């Protein structure tokens, strides 16, 4: 079966790809943030709690996520055009 290269990839694919990445990874990043904050208390019952980052930390997380979401969307778009 021949690998078909699409002649057209919708431009909204980048926006959808970035949105999905940002939403799903925000939850993951908050969990990682909470684990990192509570690592000193690993014998405590507090290790499983979710701690919402402060405003400045949320901004840092979002900036890094936007950069990686953009890269992920560009690579998705590129490889769809190439037919991989």
PDB file of N, CA and C in Angstrom:
ATOM      1  N   UNK A   1       0.833  -1.174   0.000  1.00  0.00           N
ATOM      2  CA  UNK A   1       0.000   0.000   0.000  1.00  0.00           C
ATOM      3  C   UNK A   1       0.883   1.245   0.000  1.00  0.00           C
ATOM      4  N   UNK A   2       0.624   2.134  -0.874  1.00  0.00           N
ATOM      5  CA  UNK A   2       1.438   3.336  -1.021  1.00  0.00           C
ATOM      6  C   UNK A   2       1.096   4.356   0.073  1.00  0.00           C
ATOM      7  N   UNK A   3       2.129   4.985   0.632  1.00  0.00           N
ATOM      8  CA  UNK A   3       1.945   6.025   1.633  1.00  0.00           C
ATOM      9  C   UNK A   3       1.502   7.306   0.934  1.00  0.00           C
ATOM     10  N   UNK A   4       0.301   7.749   1.216  1.00  0.00           N
ATOM     11  CA  UNK A   4      -0.256   8.934   0.557  1.00  0.00           C
ATOM     12  C   UNK A   4       0.139  10.194   1.317  1.00  0.00           C
ATOM     13  N   UNK A   5       0.692  11.132   0.606  1.00  0.00           N
ATOM     14  CA  UNK A   5       1.032  12.431   1.175  1.00  0.00           C
ATOM     15  C   UNK A   5      -0.155  13.355   0.943  1.00  0.00           C
ATOM     16  N   UNK A   6      -0.706  13.917   2.020  1.00  0.00           N
ATOM     17  CA  UNK A   6      -1.855  14.793   1.816  1.00  0.00           C
ATOM     18  C   UNK A   6      -1.461  16.051   1.054  1.00  0.00           C
ATOM     19  N   UNK A   7      -2.316  16.471   0.147  1.00  0.00           N
ATOM     20  CA  UNK A   7      -2.029  17.688  -0.601  1.00  0.00           C
ATOM     21  C   UNK A   7      -2.412  18.921   0.193  1.00  0.00           C
ATOM     22  N   UNK A   8      -3.232  18.741   1.212  1.00  0.00           N
ATOM     23  CA  UNK A   8      -3.684  19.880   2.009  1.00  0.00           C
ATOM     24  C   UNK A   8      -3.844  19.439   3.459  1.00  0.00           C
ATOM     25  N   UNK A   9      -3.247  20.184   4.364  1.00  0.00           N
ATOM     26  CA  UNK A   9      -3.437  19.967   5.789  1.00  0.00           C
ATOM     27  C   UNK A   9      -4.097  21.227   6.330  1.00  0.00           C
ATOM     28  N   UNK A  10      -5.246  21.097   6.981  1.00  0.00           N
ATOM     29  CA  UNK A  10      -5.949  22.287   7.468  1.00  0.00           C
ATOM     30  C   UNK A  10      -5.077  23.117   8.414  1.00  0.00           C
ATOM     31  N   UNK A  11      -5.106  24.423   8.221  1.00  0.00           N
ATOM     32  CA  UNK A  11      -4.265  25.294   9.039  1.00  0.00           C
ATOM     33  C   UNK A  11      -4.716  25.339  10.491  1.00  0.00           C
ATOM     34  N   UNK A  12      -5.984  25.029  10.742  1.00  0.00           N
ATOM     35  CA  UNK A  12      -6.446  25.033  12.130  1.00  0.00           C
ATOM     36  C   UNK A  12      -5.882  23.851  12.920  1.00  0.00           C
ATOM     37  N   UNK A  13      -5.213  22.939  12.247  1.00  0.00           N
ATOM     38  CA  UNK A  13      -4.596  21.814  12.938  1.00  0.00           C
ATOM     39  C   UNK A  13      -3.560  22.284  13.959  1.00  0.00           C
ATOM     40  N   UNK A  14      -2.824  23.334  13.639  1.00  0.00           N
ATOM     41  CA  UNK A  14      -1.828  23.860  14.576  1.00  0.00           C
ATOM     42  C   UNK A  14      -2.513  24.371  15.835  1.00  0.00           C
ATOM     43  N   UNK A  15      -3.607  25.094  15.690  1.00  0.00           N
ATOM     44  CA  UNK A  15      -4.325  25.642  16.843  1.00  0.00           C
ATOM     45  C   UNK A  15      -4.907  24.520  17.700  1.00  0.00           C
ATOM     46  N   UNK A  16      -5.531  23.535  17.071  1.00  0.00           N
ATOM     47  CA  UNK A  16      -6.113  22.418  17.816  1.00  0.00           C
ATOM     48  C   UNK A  16      -5.019  21.631  18.531  1.00  0.00           C
ATOM     49  N   UNK A  17      -3.925  21.362  17.844  1.00  0.00           N
ATOM     50  CA  UNK A  17      -2.822  20.617  18.423  1.00  0.00           C
ATOM     51  C   UNK A  17      -2.234  21.353  19.630  1.00  0.00           C
ATOM     52  N   UNK A  18      -2.043  22.664  19.503  1.00  0.00           N
ATOM     53  CA  UNK A  18      -1.520  23.456  20.618  1.00  0.00           C
ATOM     54  C   UNK A  18      -2.500  23.468  21.787  1.00  0.00           C
ATOM     55  N   UNK A  19      -3.777  23.605  21.488  1.00  0.00           N
ATOM     56  CA  UNK A  19      -4.785  23.650  22.549  1.00  0.00           C
ATOM     57  C   UNK A  19      -4.845  22.365  23.350  1.00  0.00           C
ATOM     58  N   UNK A  20      -4.859  21.245  22.653  1.00  0.00           N
ATOM     59  CA  UNK A  20      -4.894  19.948  23.336  1.00  0.00           C
ATOM     60  C   UNK A  20      -3.646  19.765  24.192  1.00  0.00           C
ATOM     61  N   UNK A  21      -2.486  20.103  23.632  1.00  0.00           N
ATOM     62  CA  UNK A  21      -1.234  19.993  24.372  1.00  0.00           C
ATOM     63  C   UNK A  21      -1.274  20.852  25.628  1.00  0.00           C
ATOM     64  N   UNK A  22      -1.713  22.098  25.508  1.00  0.00           N
ATOM     65  CA  UNK A  22      -1.729  23.018  26.647  1.00  0.00           C
ATOM     66  C   UNK A  22      -2.672  22.551  27.754  1.00  0.00           C
ATOM     67  N   UNK A  23      -3.859  22.116  27.387  1.00  0.00           N
ATOM     68  CA  UNK A  23      -4.839  21.704  28.389  1.00  0.00           C
ATOM     69  C   UNK A  23      -4.377  20.452  29.126  1.00  0.00           C
ATOM     70  N   UNK A  24      -3.993  19.434  28.383  1.00  0.00           N
ATOM     71  CA  UNK A  24      -3.589  18.181  29.028  1.00  0.00           C
ATOM     72  C   UNK A  24      -2.318  18.337  29.848  1.00  0.00           C
ATOM     73  N   UNK A  25      -1.361  19.067  29.327  1.00  0.00           N
ATOM     74  CA  UNK A  25      -0.099  19.205  30.037  1.00  0.00           C
ATOM     75  C   UNK A  25      -0.166  20.159  31.215  1.00  0.00           C
ATOM     76  N   UNK A  26      -1.145  21.060  31.254  1.00  0.00           N
ATOM     77  CA  UNK A  26      -1.293  21.924  32.429  1.00  0.00           C
ATOM     78  C   UNK A  26      -1.605  21.080  33.657  1.00  0.00           C
ATOM     79  N   UNK A  27      -2.502  20.090  33.494  1.00  0.00           N
ATOM     80  CA  UNK A  27      -2.804  19.187  34.607  1.00  0.00           C
ATOM     81  C   UNK A  27      -1.557  18.409  35.029  1.00  0.00           C
ATOM     82  N   UNK A  28      -0.836  17.896  34.061  1.00  0.00           N
ATOM     83  CA  UNK A  28       0.377  17.142  34.370  1.00  0.00           C
ATOM     84  C   UNK A  28       1.406  18.015  35.070  1.00  0.00           C
ATOM     85  N   UNK A  29       1.585  19.232  34.598  1.00  0.00           N
ATOM     86  CA  UNK A  29       2.576  20.122  35.196  1.00  0.00           C
ATOM     87  C   UNK A  29       2.213  20.529  36.620  1.00  0.00           C
ATOM     88  N   UNK A  30       0.940  20.699  36.902  1.00  0.00           N
ATOM     89  CA  UNK A  30       0.526  21.013  38.269  1.00  0.00           C
ATOM     90  C   UNK A  30       0.804  19.834  39.190  1.00  0.00           C
ATOM     91  N   UNK A  31       0.569  18.615  38.708  1.00  0.00           N
ATOM     92  CA  UNK A  31       0.876  17.423  39.511  1.00  0.00           C
ATOM     93  C   UNK A  31       2.378  17.332  39.775  1.00  0.00           C
ATOM     94  N   UNK A  32       3.202  17.550  38.731  1.00  0.00           N
ATOM     95  CA  UNK A  32       4.656  17.524  38.921  1.00  0.00           C
ATOM     96  C   UNK A  32       5.107  18.626  39.869  1.00  0.00           C
ATOM     97  N   UNK A  33       4.513  19.802  39.772  1.00  0.00           N
ATOM     98  CA  UNK A  33       4.831  20.911  40.661  1.00  0.00           C
ATOM     99  C   UNK A  33       4.530  20.524  42.106  1.00  0.00           C
ATOM    100  N   UNK A  34       3.372  19.909  42.333  1.00  0.00           N
ATOM    101  CA  UNK A  34       2.980  19.501  43.681  1.00  0.00           C
ATOM    102  C   UNK A  34       3.923  18.445  44.242  1.00  0.00           C
ATOM    103  N   UNK A  35       4.310  17.503  43.412  1.00  0.00           N
ATOM    104  CA  UNK A  35       5.238  16.465  43.861  1.00  0.00           C
ATOM    105  C   UNK A  35       6.573  17.090  44.238  1.00  0.00           C
ATOM    106  N   UNK A  36       7.045  18.024  43.408  1.00  0.00           N
ATOM    107  CA  UNK A  36       8.312  18.693  43.698  1.00  0.00           C
ATOM    108  C   UNK A  36       8.262  19.503  44.971  1.00  0.00           C
ATOM    109  N   UNK A  37       7.144  20.150  45.251  1.00  0.00           N
ATOM    110  CA  UNK A  37       7.005  20.950  46.470  1.00  0.00           C
ATOM    111  C   UNK A  37       6.900  20.080  47.706  1.00  0.00           C
ATOM    112  N   UNK A  38       6.309  18.901  47.567  1.00  0.00           N
ATOM    113  CA  UNK A  38       6.061  18.036  48.719  1.00  0.00           C
ATOM    114  C   UNK A  38       7.087  16.913  48.864  1.00  0.00           C
ATOM    115  N   UNK A  39       8.158  16.943  48.086  1.00  0.00           N
ATOM    116  CA  UNK A  39       9.126  15.840  48.119  1.00  0.00           C
ATOM    117  C   UNK A  39       9.835  15.732  49.468  1.00  0.00           C
ATOM    118  N   UNK A  40       9.998  16.856  50.157  1.00  0.00           N
ATOM    119  CA  UNK A  40      10.646  16.832  51.479  1.00  0.00           C
ATOM    120  C   UNK A  40       9.786  16.085  52.493  1.00  0.00           C
ATOM    121  N   UNK A  41       8.498  16.052  52.242  1.00  0.00           N
ATOM    122  CA  UNK A  41       7.556  15.428  53.168  1.00  0.00           C
ATOM    123  C   UNK A  41       7.108  14.065  52.660  1.00  0.00           C
ATOM    124  N   UNK A  42       8.010  13.299  52.056  1.00  0.00           N
ATOM    125  CA  UNK A  42       7.580  12.062  51.405  1.00  0.00           C
ATOM    126  C   UNK A  42       7.043  11.012  52.372  1.00  0.00           C
ATOM    127  N   UNK A  43       7.371  11.124  53.658  1.00  0.00           N
ATOM    128  CA  UNK A  43       6.812  10.194  54.636  1.00  0.00           C
ATOM    129  C   UNK A  43       5.484  10.705  55.195  1.00  0.00           C
ATOM    130  N   UNK A  44       5.104  11.927  54.824  1.00  0.00           N
ATOM    131  CA  UNK A  44       3.897  12.543  55.327  1.00  0.00           C
ATOM    132  C   UNK A  44       2.688  12.113  54.500  1.00  0.00           C
ATOM    133  N   UNK A  45       1.510  12.336  55.037  1.00  0.00           N
ATOM    134  CA  UNK A  45       0.286  12.039  54.291  1.00  0.00           C
ATOM    135  C   UNK A  45      -0.011  13.135  53.280  1.00  0.00           C
ATOM    136  N   UNK A  46       0.768  14.213  53.271  1.00  0.00           N
ATOM    137  CA  UNK A  46       0.562  15.354  52.377  1.00  0.00           C
ATOM    138  C   UNK A  46       1.097  15.100  50.975  1.00  0.00           C
ATOM    139  N   UNK A  47       1.813  14.005  50.754  1.00  0.00           N
ATOM    140  CA  UNK A  47       2.470  13.757  49.471  1.00  0.00           C
ATOM    141  C   UNK A  47       1.458  13.611  48.330  1.00  0.00           C
ATOM    142  N   UNK A  48       0.261  13.156  48.610  1.00  0.00           N
ATOM    143  CA  UNK A  48      -0.724  12.957  47.563  1.00  0.00           C
ATOM    144  C   UNK A  48      -1.590  14.167  47.277  1.00  0.00           C
ATOM    145  N   UNK A  49      -1.382  15.246  48.005  1.00  0.00           N
ATOM    146  CA  UNK A  49      -2.234  16.420  47.805  1.00  0.00           C
ATOM    147  C   UNK A  49      -1.749  17.246  46.619  1.00  0.00           C
ATOM    148  N   UNK A  50      -2.675  17.920  45.988  1.00  0.00           N
ATOM    149  CA  UNK A  50      -2.359  18.777  44.848  1.00  0.00           C
ATOM    150  C   UNK A  50      -2.275  20.209  45.342  1.00  0.00           C
ATOM    151  N   UNK A  51      -1.158  20.851  45.066  1.00  0.00           N
ATOM    152  CA  UNK A  51      -0.941  22.237  45.461  1.00  0.00           C
ATOM    153  C   UNK A  51      -0.957  23.106  44.204  1.00  0.00           C
ATOM    154  N   UNK A  52      -1.826  24.088  44.176  1.00  0.00           N
ATOM    155  CA  UNK A  52      -1.904  24.996  43.044  1.00  0.00           C
ATOM    156  C   UNK A  52      -0.734  25.978  43.146  1.00  0.00           C
ATOM    157  N   UNK A  53       0.054  26.109  42.069  1.00  0.00           N
ATOM    158  CA  UNK A  53       1.196  27.026  42.101  1.00  0.00           C
ATOM    159  C   UNK A  53       0.749  28.485  42.273  1.00  0.00           C
ATOM    160  N   UNK A  54       1.667  29.295  42.770  1.00  0.00           N
ATOM    161  CA  UNK A  54       1.396  30.725  42.877  1.00  0.00           C
ATOM    162  C   UNK A  54       1.372  31.343  41.481  1.00  0.00           C
ATOM    163  N   UNK A  55       0.911  32.580  41.401  1.00  0.00           N
ATOM    164  CA  UNK A  55       0.721  33.267  40.126  1.00  0.00           C
ATOM    165  C   UNK A  55       1.991  33.278  39.277  1.00  0.00           C
ATOM    166  N   UNK A  56       3.123  33.651  39.875  1.00  0.00           N
ATOM    167  CA  UNK A  56       4.381  33.734  39.135  1.00  0.00           C
ATOM    168  C   UNK A  56       4.797  32.363  38.597  1.00  0.00           C
ATOM    169  N   UNK A  57       4.606  31.333  39.396  1.00  0.00           N
ATOM    170  CA  UNK A  57       4.954  29.974  38.953  1.00  0.00           C
ATOM    171  C   UNK A  57       4.039  29.511  37.819  1.00  0.00           C
ATOM    172  N   UNK A  58       2.755  29.871  37.887  1.00  0.00           N
ATOM    173  CA  UNK A  58       1.831  29.510  36.808  1.00  0.00           C
ATOM    174  C   UNK A  58       2.248  30.194  35.511  1.00  0.00           C
ATOM    175  N   UNK A  59       2.656  31.456  35.593  1.00  0.00           N
ATOM    176  CA  UNK A  59       3.105  32.183  34.395  1.00  0.00           C
ATOM    177  C   UNK A  59       4.323  31.494  33.790  1.00  0.00           C
ATOM    178  N   UNK A  60       5.286  31.103  34.623  1.00  0.00           N
ATOM    179  CA  UNK A  60       6.477  30.401  34.116  1.00  0.00           C
ATOM    180  C   UNK A  60       6.092  29.088  33.443  1.00  0.00           C
ATOM    181  N   UNK A  61       5.195  28.341  34.065  1.00  0.00           N
ATOM    182  CA  UNK A  61       4.750  27.063  33.498  1.00  0.00           C
ATOM    183  C   UNK A  61       4.072  27.294  32.149  1.00  0.00           C
ATOM    184  N   UNK A  62       3.202  28.287  32.075  1.00  0.00           N
ATOM    185  CA  UNK A  62       2.464  28.560  30.839  1.00  0.00           C
ATOM    186  C   UNK A  62       3.391  28.999  29.710  1.00  0.00           C
ATOM    187  N   UNK A  63       4.380  29.850  30.029  1.00  0.00           N
ATOM    188  CA  UNK A  63       5.320  30.302  28.993  1.00  0.00           C
ATOM    189  C   UNK A  63       6.086  29.110  28.413  1.00  0.00           C
ATOM    190  N   UNK A  64       6.577  28.249  29.266  1.00  0.00           N
ATOM    191  CA  UNK A  64       7.316  27.073  28.797  1.00  0.00           C
ATOM    192  C   UNK A  64       6.395  26.152  28.004  1.00  0.00           C
ATOM    193  N   UNK A  65       5.158  25.982  28.475  1.00  0.00           N
ATOM    194  CA  UNK A  65       4.209  25.126  27.769  1.00  0.00           C
ATOM    195  C   UNK A  65       3.851  25.678  26.399  1.00  0.00           C
ATOM    196  N   UNK A  66       3.705  26.984  26.281  1.00  0.00           N
ATOM    197  CA  UNK A  66       3.367  27.576  24.976  1.00  0.00           C
ATOM    198  C   UNK A  66       4.491  27.340  23.978  1.00  0.00           C
ATOM    199  N   UNK A  67       5.721  27.472  24.434  1.00  0.00           N
ATOM    200  CA  UNK A  67       6.867  27.217  23.552  1.00  0.00           C
ATOM    201  C   UNK A  67       6.833  25.771  23.045  1.00  0.00           C
ATOM    202  N   UNK A  68       6.660  24.823  23.960  1.00  0.00           N
ATOM    203  CA  UNK A  68       6.653  23.424  23.557  1.00  0.00           C
ATOM    204  C   UNK A  68       5.390  23.049  22.787  1.00  0.00           C
ATOM    205  N   UNK A  69       4.264  23.678  23.093  1.00  0.00           N
ATOM    206  CA  UNK A  69       3.045  23.420  22.333  1.00  0.00           C
ATOM    207  C   UNK A  69       3.214  23.875  20.892  1.00  0.00           C
ATOM    208  N   UNK A  70       3.833  25.026  20.703  1.00  0.00           N
ATOM    209  CA  UNK A  70       4.083  25.525  19.353  1.00  0.00           C
ATOM    210  C   UNK A  70       5.000  24.575  18.586  1.00  0.00           C
ATOM    211  N   UNK A  71       6.082  24.131  19.234  1.00  0.00           N
ATOM    212  CA  UNK A  71       6.993  23.186  18.581  1.00  0.00           C
ATOM    213  C   UNK A  71       6.277  21.883  18.222  1.00  0.00           C
ATOM    214  N   UNK A  72       5.476  21.381  19.148  1.00  0.00           N
ATOM    215  CA  UNK A  72       4.754  20.142  18.903  1.00  0.00           C
ATOM    216  C   UNK A  72       3.783  20.311  17.740  1.00  0.00           C
ATOM    217  N   UNK A  73       3.095  21.435  17.673  1.00  0.00           N
ATOM    218  CA  UNK A  73       2.148  21.679  16.586  1.00  0.00           C
ATOM    219  C   UNK A  73       2.857  21.798  15.245  1.00  0.00           C
ATOM    220  N   UNK A  74       3.990  22.488  15.223  1.00  0.00           N
ATOM    221  CA  UNK A  74       4.758  22.643  13.985  1.00  0.00           C
ATOM    222  C   UNK A  74       5.259  21.284  13.490  1.00  0.00           C
ATOM    223  N   UNK A  75       5.789  20.467  14.403  1.00  0.00           N
ATOM    224  CA  UNK A  75       6.263  19.142  14.000  1.00  0.00           C
ATOM    225  C   UNK A  75       5.106  18.272  13.506  1.00  0.00           C
ATOM    226  N   UNK A  76       3.951  18.340  14.172  1.00  0.00           N
ATOM    227  CA  UNK A  76       2.784  17.583  13.729  1.00  0.00           C
ATOM    228  C   UNK A  76       2.390  18.002  12.318  1.00  0.00           C
ATOM    229  N   UNK A  77       2.313  19.284  12.100  1.00  0.00           N
ATOM    230  CA  UNK A  77       1.944  19.827  10.797  1.00  0.00           C
ATOM    231  C   UNK A  77       2.955  19.400   9.731  1.00  0.00           C
ATOM    232  N   UNK A  78       4.245  19.535  10.043  1.00  0.00           N
ATOM    233  CA  UNK A  78       5.312  19.191   9.094  1.00  0.00           C
ATOM    234  C   UNK A  78       5.246  17.712   8.713  1.00  0.00           C
ATOM    235  N   UNK A  79       5.130  16.838   9.720  1.00  0.00           N
ATOM    236  CA  UNK A  79       5.141  15.414   9.421  1.00  0.00           C
ATOM    237  C   UNK A  79       3.852  14.951   8.752  1.00  0.00           C
ATOM    238  N   UNK A  80       2.754  15.645   8.982  1.00  0.00           N
ATOM    239  CA  UNK A  80       1.552  15.326   8.213  1.00  0.00           C
ATOM    240  C   UNK A  80       1.728  15.697   6.750  1.00  0.00           C
ATOM    241  N   UNK A  81       2.363  16.826   6.499  1.00  0.00           N
ATOM    242  CA  UNK A  81       2.622  17.224   5.114  1.00  0.00           C
ATOM    243  C   UNK A  81       3.580  16.259   4.413  1.00  0.00           C
ATOM    244  N   UNK A  82       4.559  15.791   5.162  1.00  0.00           N
ATOM    245  CA  UNK A  82       5.542  14.858   4.587  1.00  0.00           C
ATOM    246  C   UNK A  82       4.974  13.434   4.451  1.00  0.00           C
ATOM    247  N   UNK A  83       3.906  13.131   5.183  1.00  0.00           N
ATOM    248  CA  UNK A  83       3.285  11.814   5.085  1.00  0.00           C
ATOM    249  C   UNK A  83       3.928  10.751   5.923  1.00  0.00           C
ATOM    250  N   UNK A  84       4.574  11.119   7.008  1.00  0.00           N
ATOM    251  CA  UNK A  84       5.190  10.119   7.896  1.00  0.00           C
ATOM    252  C   UNK A  84       4.192   9.534   8.832  1.00  0.00           C
TER     253      UNK A  84
END
